[in-house]
């Protein structure tokens, strides 16, 4: 196999070392408010390669809230016309992502973005591509009143749940008897989503489990390239973190790669993070989503505009799409650190490494058994 340039060999030597210091690790989840779970708290085990699961102090995971959230996640009663559930845009067969370029809502309404995977979303500081939700609890409530997604009201959902004897019993077990509120539903969905963890990938077994046969030679070379923070490009690890004891392959910052830039109109097709912060520098910036299970979650980017990993790597090797606010961590155009003659091999090795990030699917990703529903 052809040897890549000396800089990549230097990266391979550094593989056993921790990643460069980073300003944020896995933070405690923000308080959710509302009723406290009434059941007995349970521990959510983290698979190999992932850290302990953070959760708000006022929403500890319990068997009862997780079971309730599991049913609510797959139940279409949350939508106004009973046609859309959370699982409609987060499909188990697509590693809890949406295989469509952009997600669809009630009456075939077309959304503006692709729904990313929610596997390991428990570790994200914010939710959605623009980070507008600060917690899984906050995120769970936002699609319901959205006119394109579920087009319902939180009060309307509360009425439906209160009219369903099966759900009345489930809510009483999870939060105690009394009025059902959407805050309870959001907490239950969030607790269920915190169980959707995927680790123990070939990469995890190699990096954290001591199995040096878990990765192919090509994937090891790809890991060396991915992990080399000294490169002007690709320098993948700047945004997709590998720590010394775990790897989330994401971070808390938002980046402008130029995907949303329309060169002809000299404007952003999607404003991104600026719509949340109002800060000019956030225009066209989006969350650095996790790379775990990336081979299962096509299409890629916030708008689902790229179909293959090869297409994504070509985009980054060319430095993204130039625009006035292009992120400083984007690779330099043409990736000058890697000779042109070696770039095809480098890209192939990176693809092999990314394939090795496919982990075990959590048991709870499958739909629950049927629940009696009175709509």
Protein backbone atom coordinates (compact mmCIF):
# COMPACT_ATOMS: atom_id res chain seq x y z
CA UNK A 1 0.00 0.00 0.00
CA UNK A 2 1.32 3.41 -0.94
CA UNK A 3 2.65 5.47 1.97
CA UNK A 4 1.19 8.93 2.44
CA UNK A 5 3.23 12.06 3.03
CA UNK A 6 5.43 12.50 6.14
CA UNK A 7 2.88 14.74 7.85
CA UNK A 8 0.40 11.85 7.92
CA UNK A 9 3.03 9.53 9.36
CA UNK A 10 3.61 12.08 12.10
CA UNK A 11 -0.11 12.04 12.78
CA UNK A 12 -0.06 8.25 13.09
CA UNK A 13 2.72 8.47 15.71
CA UNK A 14 0.52 10.84 17.74
CA UNK A 15 -2.54 8.56 17.72
CA UNK A 16 -2.01 7.31 21.27
CA UNK A 17 -1.93 10.88 22.62
CA UNK A 18 -5.03 12.74 23.87
CA UNK A 19 -6.64 15.27 21.55
CA UNK A 20 -5.63 18.94 21.95
CA UNK A 21 -7.28 20.77 24.88
CA UNK A 22 -10.84 21.85 24.18
CA UNK A 23 -12.92 24.48 25.91
CA UNK A 24 -16.02 22.29 26.42
CA UNK A 25 -16.51 18.61 27.15
CA UNK A 26 -19.83 16.95 28.05
CA UNK A 27 -21.86 19.41 30.05
CA UNK A 28 -24.71 18.72 32.50
CA UNK A 29 -28.11 19.07 30.82
CA UNK A 30 -30.11 22.24 31.49
CA UNK A 31 -33.02 22.06 33.98
CA UNK A 32 -36.29 21.22 32.28
CA UNK A 33 -38.82 22.54 34.82
CA UNK A 34 -42.29 21.12 35.46
CA UNK A 35 -43.23 17.93 37.26
CA UNK A 36 -40.64 15.55 38.65
CA UNK A 37 -40.72 11.90 37.58
CA UNK A 38 -42.37 9.69 40.17
CA UNK A 39 -40.70 6.41 39.26
CA UNK A 40 -37.42 5.00 40.49
CA UNK A 41 -34.37 6.48 38.72
CA UNK A 42 -32.38 4.10 36.54
CA UNK A 43 -28.86 4.28 35.16
CA UNK A 44 -28.47 4.50 31.40
CA UNK A 45 -25.36 2.47 30.55
CA UNK A 46 -22.99 4.11 28.09
CA UNK A 47 -21.47 1.79 25.48
CA UNK A 48 -17.74 1.62 24.75
CA UNK A 49 -16.49 4.94 23.41
CA UNK A 50 -19.07 7.19 25.06
CA UNK A 51 -19.00 9.08 28.40
CA UNK A 52 -21.61 8.89 31.19
CA UNK A 53 -25.01 10.20 30.10
CA UNK A 54 -25.80 13.73 31.37
CA UNK A 55 -29.36 14.61 32.37
CA UNK A 56 -31.13 17.49 34.18
CA UNK A 57 -31.45 17.22 37.95
CA UNK A 58 -35.21 17.67 37.59
CA UNK A 59 -35.59 14.89 35.01
CA UNK A 60 -33.65 11.83 36.13
CA UNK A 61 -34.30 8.88 33.82
CA UNK A 62 -36.75 6.32 35.16
CA UNK A 63 -38.07 3.09 33.68
CA UNK A 64 -41.55 4.63 33.61
CA UNK A 65 -40.64 7.88 31.82
CA UNK A 66 -38.45 6.03 29.32
CA UNK A 67 -41.27 3.61 28.48
CA UNK A 68 -43.74 6.48 28.15
CA UNK A 69 -41.35 8.50 25.99
CA UNK A 70 -40.75 5.47 23.77
CA UNK A 71 -44.45 5.24 22.98
CA UNK A 72 -44.88 8.98 22.49
CA UNK A 73 -41.90 9.13 20.12
CA UNK A 74 -43.53 6.65 17.74
CA UNK A 75 -47.13 7.86 18.17
CA UNK A 76 -48.65 10.09 15.48
CA UNK A 77 -51.20 11.59 17.87
CA UNK A 78 -48.73 14.41 18.49
CA UNK A 79 -49.55 15.81 15.04
CA UNK A 80 -52.74 17.63 14.19
CA UNK A 81 -53.97 15.15 11.57
CA UNK A 82 -52.46 12.03 13.14
CA UNK A 83 -50.01 11.41 10.29
CA UNK A 84 -46.63 12.46 11.71
CA UNK A 85 -44.66 11.17 14.70
CA UNK A 86 -41.17 12.00 15.91
CA UNK A 87 -40.13 8.71 14.33
CA UNK A 88 -41.44 9.86 10.95
CA UNK A 89 -38.29 11.96 10.54
CA UNK A 90 -35.96 9.87 12.72
CA UNK A 91 -36.13 6.38 11.24
CA UNK A 92 -34.51 3.37 12.93
CA UNK A 93 -33.42 2.03 9.53
CA UNK A 94 -31.50 5.28 8.92
CA UNK A 95 -29.82 5.34 12.37
CA UNK A 96 -32.59 7.63 13.63
CA UNK A 97 -32.04 10.18 10.84
CA UNK A 98 -34.13 11.08 7.78
CA UNK A 99 -33.07 9.52 4.45
CA UNK A 100 -34.91 12.28 2.57
CA UNK A 101 -33.00 15.47 1.63
CA UNK A 102 -35.42 17.55 3.71
CA UNK A 103 -38.06 16.33 6.12
CA UNK A 104 -41.80 16.35 5.45
CA UNK A 105 -44.61 17.29 7.82
CA UNK A 106 -48.41 17.19 7.91
CA UNK A 107 -50.22 17.40 4.58
CA UNK A 108 -46.91 16.76 2.81
CA UNK A 109 -45.48 20.06 4.00
CA UNK A 110 -41.84 20.39 2.94
CA UNK A 111 -39.35 21.41 5.62
CA UNK A 112 -36.22 23.43 5.03
CA UNK A 113 -33.64 21.05 6.50
CA UNK A 114 -32.68 17.41 6.77
CA UNK A 115 -33.45 15.82 10.15
CA UNK A 116 -30.12 14.61 11.61
CA UNK A 117 -29.68 11.45 13.64
CA UNK A 118 -30.69 11.68 17.28
CA UNK A 119 -28.41 8.81 18.30
CA UNK A 120 -26.15 10.15 21.06
CA UNK A 121 -28.08 13.45 21.11
CA UNK A 122 -27.87 13.15 24.90
CA UNK A 123 -24.34 14.57 24.67
CA UNK A 124 -25.21 17.63 22.58
CA UNK A 125 -25.13 21.03 24.27
CA UNK A 126 -27.85 22.28 21.92
CA UNK A 127 -30.36 20.66 19.57
CA UNK A 128 -31.32 21.36 15.93
CA UNK A 129 -28.91 22.45 13.19
CA UNK A 130 -29.05 26.04 14.48
CA UNK A 131 -28.94 25.15 18.19
CA UNK A 132 -32.22 26.87 19.01
CA UNK A 133 -33.12 24.30 21.69
CA UNK A 134 -30.96 24.15 24.81
CA UNK A 135 -32.03 20.66 25.85
CA UNK A 136 -33.78 17.54 24.63
CA UNK A 137 -36.78 18.56 26.73
CA UNK A 138 -37.00 21.92 24.98
CA UNK A 139 -36.48 20.31 21.58
CA UNK A 140 -39.30 17.81 22.10
CA UNK A 141 -41.90 20.57 22.27
CA UNK A 142 -40.83 22.57 19.21
CA UNK A 143 -42.03 20.38 16.30
CA UNK A 144 -45.60 20.18 17.67
CA UNK A 145 -46.72 23.79 17.05
CA UNK A 146 -44.55 24.17 13.93
CA UNK A 147 -46.90 24.77 10.99
CA UNK A 148 -44.94 22.52 8.64
CA UNK A 149 -43.96 19.70 11.01
CA UNK A 150 -46.89 18.69 13.25
CA UNK A 151 -49.13 21.79 13.05
CA UNK A 152 -50.77 21.05 16.40
CA UNK A 153 -50.87 22.84 19.75
CA UNK A 154 -49.42 21.72 23.05
CA UNK A 155 -52.83 22.16 24.65
CA UNK A 156 -54.43 20.06 21.92
CA UNK A 157 -51.95 17.25 22.53
CA UNK A 158 -52.65 17.43 26.26
CA UNK A 159 -56.37 16.99 25.58
CA UNK A 160 -55.75 13.96 23.35
CA UNK A 161 -53.53 12.33 25.94
CA UNK A 162 -56.01 13.02 28.76
CA UNK A 163 -58.80 11.39 26.69
CA UNK A 164 -56.80 8.21 26.19
CA UNK A 165 -57.17 5.80 29.17
CA UNK A 166 -53.97 3.95 28.29
CA UNK A 167 -51.93 7.13 28.35
CA UNK A 168 -53.61 8.33 31.54
CA UNK A 169 -52.30 5.19 33.25
CA UNK A 170 -48.82 5.56 31.75
CA UNK A 171 -48.54 9.21 32.81
CA UNK A 172 -49.76 8.36 36.32
CA UNK A 173 -47.04 5.71 36.61
CA UNK A 174 -44.39 8.09 35.30
CA UNK A 175 -45.35 11.32 37.11
CA UNK A 176 -48.08 10.46 39.59
CA UNK A 177 -51.85 11.00 39.23
CA UNK A 178 -53.12 14.37 38.11
CA UNK A 179 -53.41 16.58 35.06
CA UNK A 180 -51.29 15.61 32.07
CA UNK A 181 -49.11 18.43 30.76
CA UNK A 182 -46.91 18.62 27.70
CA UNK A 183 -43.97 19.34 29.99
CA UNK A 184 -44.38 15.77 31.22
CA UNK A 185 -44.54 14.46 27.66
CA UNK A 186 -41.41 16.40 26.71
CA UNK A 187 -39.55 15.04 29.72
CA UNK A 188 -40.58 11.50 28.87
CA UNK A 189 -39.52 11.84 25.23
CA UNK A 190 -36.20 13.37 26.31
CA UNK A 191 -35.54 10.53 28.76
CA UNK A 192 -36.25 7.98 26.04
CA UNK A 193 -33.96 9.79 23.61
CA UNK A 194 -31.13 9.66 26.18
CA UNK A 195 -31.24 5.88 25.88
CA UNK A 196 -30.58 6.06 22.13
CA UNK A 197 -26.85 5.54 22.39
CA UNK A 198 -24.62 4.01 19.76
CA UNK A 199 -21.01 3.08 20.46
CA UNK A 200 -18.85 -0.06 20.44
CA UNK A 201 -17.92 0.58 16.80
CA UNK A 202 -14.74 -0.88 15.27
CA UNK A 203 -13.13 2.49 16.01
CA UNK A 204 -14.14 2.28 19.68
CA UNK A 205 -12.80 -1.23 20.02
CA UNK A 206 -9.52 -0.09 18.46
CA UNK A 207 -9.13 3.24 20.26
CA UNK A 208 -10.66 2.52 23.66
CA UNK A 209 -10.91 -1.27 23.85
CA UNK A 210 -7.33 -2.15 22.98
CA UNK A 211 -8.25 -4.31 19.97
CA UNK A 212 -5.62 -3.31 17.42
CA UNK A 213 -7.15 -5.67 14.85
CA UNK A 214 -10.51 -3.88 14.90
CA UNK A 215 -9.49 -1.44 12.14
CA UNK A 216 -8.11 -2.15 8.71
CA UNK A 217 -4.79 -0.62 7.63
CA UNK A 218 -6.69 1.86 5.46
CA UNK A 219 -8.93 2.90 8.37
CA UNK A 220 -5.88 3.35 10.63
CA UNK A 221 -4.33 5.65 8.04
CA UNK A 222 -7.63 7.49 7.83
CA UNK A 223 -7.69 7.90 11.61
CA UNK A 224 -4.18 9.33 11.50
CA UNK A 225 -5.22 11.89 8.92
CA UNK A 226 -8.48 12.66 10.74
CA UNK A 227 -6.66 13.15 14.07
CA UNK A 228 -3.75 15.33 12.90
CA UNK A 229 -4.55 18.77 14.32
CA UNK A 230 -1.36 20.22 12.79
CA UNK A 231 -2.72 20.07 9.25
CA UNK A 232 -4.14 23.13 7.54
CA UNK A 233 -6.58 20.66 6.09
CA UNK A 234 -8.59 18.56 6.50
CA UNK A 235 -8.06 18.91 10.28
CA UNK A 236 -11.35 17.07 10.86
CA UNK A 237 -10.75 16.77 14.60
CA UNK A 238 -11.13 20.52 15.13
CA UNK A 239 -14.91 20.09 14.86
CA UNK A 240 -15.45 16.36 15.39
CA UNK A 241 -13.81 15.64 18.70
CA UNK A 242 -11.94 12.57 19.92
CA UNK A 243 -11.07 12.81 23.61
CA UNK A 244 -8.65 10.62 25.54
CA UNK A 245 -11.36 8.32 26.99
CA UNK A 246 -14.34 8.83 24.69
CA UNK A 247 -15.36 10.38 21.38
CA UNK A 248 -18.57 12.26 20.60
CA UNK A 249 -17.32 13.40 17.16
CA UNK A 250 -19.05 16.74 17.67
CA UNK A 251 -18.55 19.98 19.63
CA UNK A 252 -20.48 22.99 20.89
CA UNK A 253 -19.47 25.55 18.23
CA UNK A 254 -21.22 26.35 14.94
CA UNK A 255 -19.42 26.65 11.64
CA UNK A 256 -19.92 28.20 8.21
CA UNK A 257 -18.70 25.75 5.56
CA UNK A 258 -20.43 27.61 2.74
CA UNK A 259 -23.07 24.97 2.07
CA UNK A 260 -25.82 27.59 2.51
CA UNK A 261 -24.10 30.22 0.34
CA UNK A 262 -25.64 31.16 -3.02
CA UNK A 263 -22.79 32.64 -5.05
CA UNK A 264 -25.05 33.97 -7.78
CA UNK A 265 -27.29 35.87 -5.35
CA UNK A 266 -24.43 36.63 -2.95
CA UNK A 267 -26.69 35.61 -0.07
CA UNK A 268 -27.36 32.68 2.26
CA UNK A 269 -30.14 30.29 1.25
CA UNK A 270 -30.46 29.39 4.94
CA UNK A 271 -29.38 31.93 7.57
CA UNK A 272 -28.37 29.25 10.07
CA UNK A 273 -27.30 30.18 13.58
CA UNK A 274 -27.84 33.94 13.14
CA UNK A 275 -31.59 33.35 13.30
CA UNK A 276 -31.06 32.26 16.92
CA UNK A 277 -28.34 34.63 18.13
CA UNK A 278 -28.80 37.68 15.94
CA UNK A 279 -25.00 37.87 15.77
CA UNK A 280 -23.81 38.76 12.23
CA UNK A 281 -20.84 36.38 12.34
CA UNK A 282 -23.26 33.45 12.79
CA UNK A 283 -24.82 33.84 9.34
CA UNK A 284 -24.66 30.59 7.42
CA UNK A 285 -23.23 28.70 10.42
CA UNK A 286 -24.53 25.30 11.50
CA UNK A 287 -23.89 22.71 14.16
CA UNK A 288 -21.05 20.23 13.73
CA UNK A 289 -23.14 17.07 13.90
CA UNK A 290 -21.69 13.78 15.08
CA UNK A 291 -19.99 11.50 12.56
CA UNK A 292 -21.00 8.31 14.34
CA UNK A 293 -23.00 5.96 12.08
CA UNK A 294 -22.32 8.38 9.22
CA UNK A 295 -22.56 5.66 6.56
CA UNK A 296 -26.20 5.07 7.59
CA UNK A 297 -27.41 8.68 7.69
CA UNK A 298 -27.14 9.93 4.09
CA UNK A 299 -27.89 12.42 2.66
CA UNK A 300 -25.48 14.86 4.26
CA UNK A 301 -25.36 18.54 5.26
CA UNK A 302 -28.22 20.58 6.72
CA UNK A 303 -30.02 20.65 3.37
CA UNK A 304 -29.37 17.04 2.38
CA UNK A 305 -27.53 18.29 -0.69
CA UNK A 306 -24.76 15.67 -0.71
CA UNK A 307 -25.45 12.01 -1.28
CA UNK A 308 -22.13 10.26 -0.60
CA UNK A 309 -19.16 10.49 1.73
CA UNK A 310 -16.93 10.89 -1.30
CA UNK A 311 -18.89 13.99 -2.31
CA UNK A 312 -18.55 15.42 1.19
CA UNK A 313 -14.79 14.83 1.25
CA UNK A 314 -14.37 16.44 -2.18
CA UNK A 315 -16.22 19.48 -0.83
CA UNK A 316 -13.94 19.79 2.21
CA UNK A 317 -10.74 19.12 0.28
CA UNK A 318 -11.68 22.09 -1.90
CA UNK A 319 -12.04 24.25 1.20
CA UNK A 320 -15.83 24.41 1.24
CA UNK A 321 -17.74 27.12 -0.63
CA UNK A 322 -16.13 30.53 -0.38
CA UNK A 323 -18.21 33.24 1.24
CA UNK A 324 -17.60 36.31 3.44
CA UNK A 325 -17.99 34.36 6.71
CA UNK A 326 -16.30 31.06 5.89
CA UNK A 327 -15.21 29.39 9.13
CA UNK A 328 -11.53 29.66 10.01
CA UNK A 329 -11.34 25.94 10.80
CA UNK A 330 -12.29 24.96 7.26
CA UNK A 331 -9.49 23.22 5.33
CA UNK A 332 -7.40 25.44 3.09
CA UNK A 333 -8.39 25.27 -0.56
CA UNK A 334 -6.76 22.29 -2.20
CA UNK A 335 -5.41 20.93 1.11
CA UNK A 336 -1.78 22.03 0.54
CA UNK A 337 -0.41 19.66 3.20
CA UNK A 338 -1.26 16.62 1.09
CA UNK A 339 0.33 16.39 -2.38
CA UNK A 340 -2.22 16.16 -5.19
CA UNK A 341 -0.89 12.75 -6.19
CA UNK A 342 -1.72 11.39 -2.72
CA UNK A 343 -5.15 12.96 -2.22
CA UNK A 344 -7.19 10.16 -3.80
CA UNK A 345 -5.61 7.66 -1.40
CA UNK A 346 -6.13 10.05 1.52
CA UNK A 347 -9.82 10.40 0.71
CA UNK A 348 -10.23 6.64 0.35
CA UNK A 349 -8.55 6.10 3.72
CA UNK A 350 -10.82 8.68 5.35
CA UNK A 351 -13.89 6.91 3.95
CA UNK A 352 -12.67 3.61 5.43
CA UNK A 353 -12.21 5.30 8.79
CA UNK A 354 -15.70 6.84 8.65
CA UNK A 355 -17.16 3.41 7.87
CA UNK A 356 -15.53 2.17 11.10
CA UNK A 357 -17.68 4.62 13.10
CA UNK A 358 -20.80 2.49 12.64
CA UNK A 359 -21.73 1.27 16.10
CA UNK A 360 -24.35 -0.93 17.72
CA UNK A 361 -27.94 0.22 17.41
CA UNK A 362 -29.71 0.60 20.77
CA UNK A 363 -32.46 -1.92 21.47
CA UNK A 364 -34.95 0.88 22.16
CA UNK A 365 -34.68 2.24 18.63
CA UNK A 366 -37.36 -0.22 17.47
CA UNK A 367 -41.03 0.81 17.73
CA UNK A 368 -42.83 -0.30 20.89
CA UNK A 369 -45.78 -2.65 20.92
CA UNK A 370 -49.19 -1.16 20.05
CA UNK A 371 -50.87 1.10 22.55
CA UNK A 372 -54.60 1.56 22.73
CA UNK A 373 -55.33 5.07 21.50
CA UNK A 374 -58.56 7.02 21.56
CA UNK A 375 -58.12 10.02 19.26
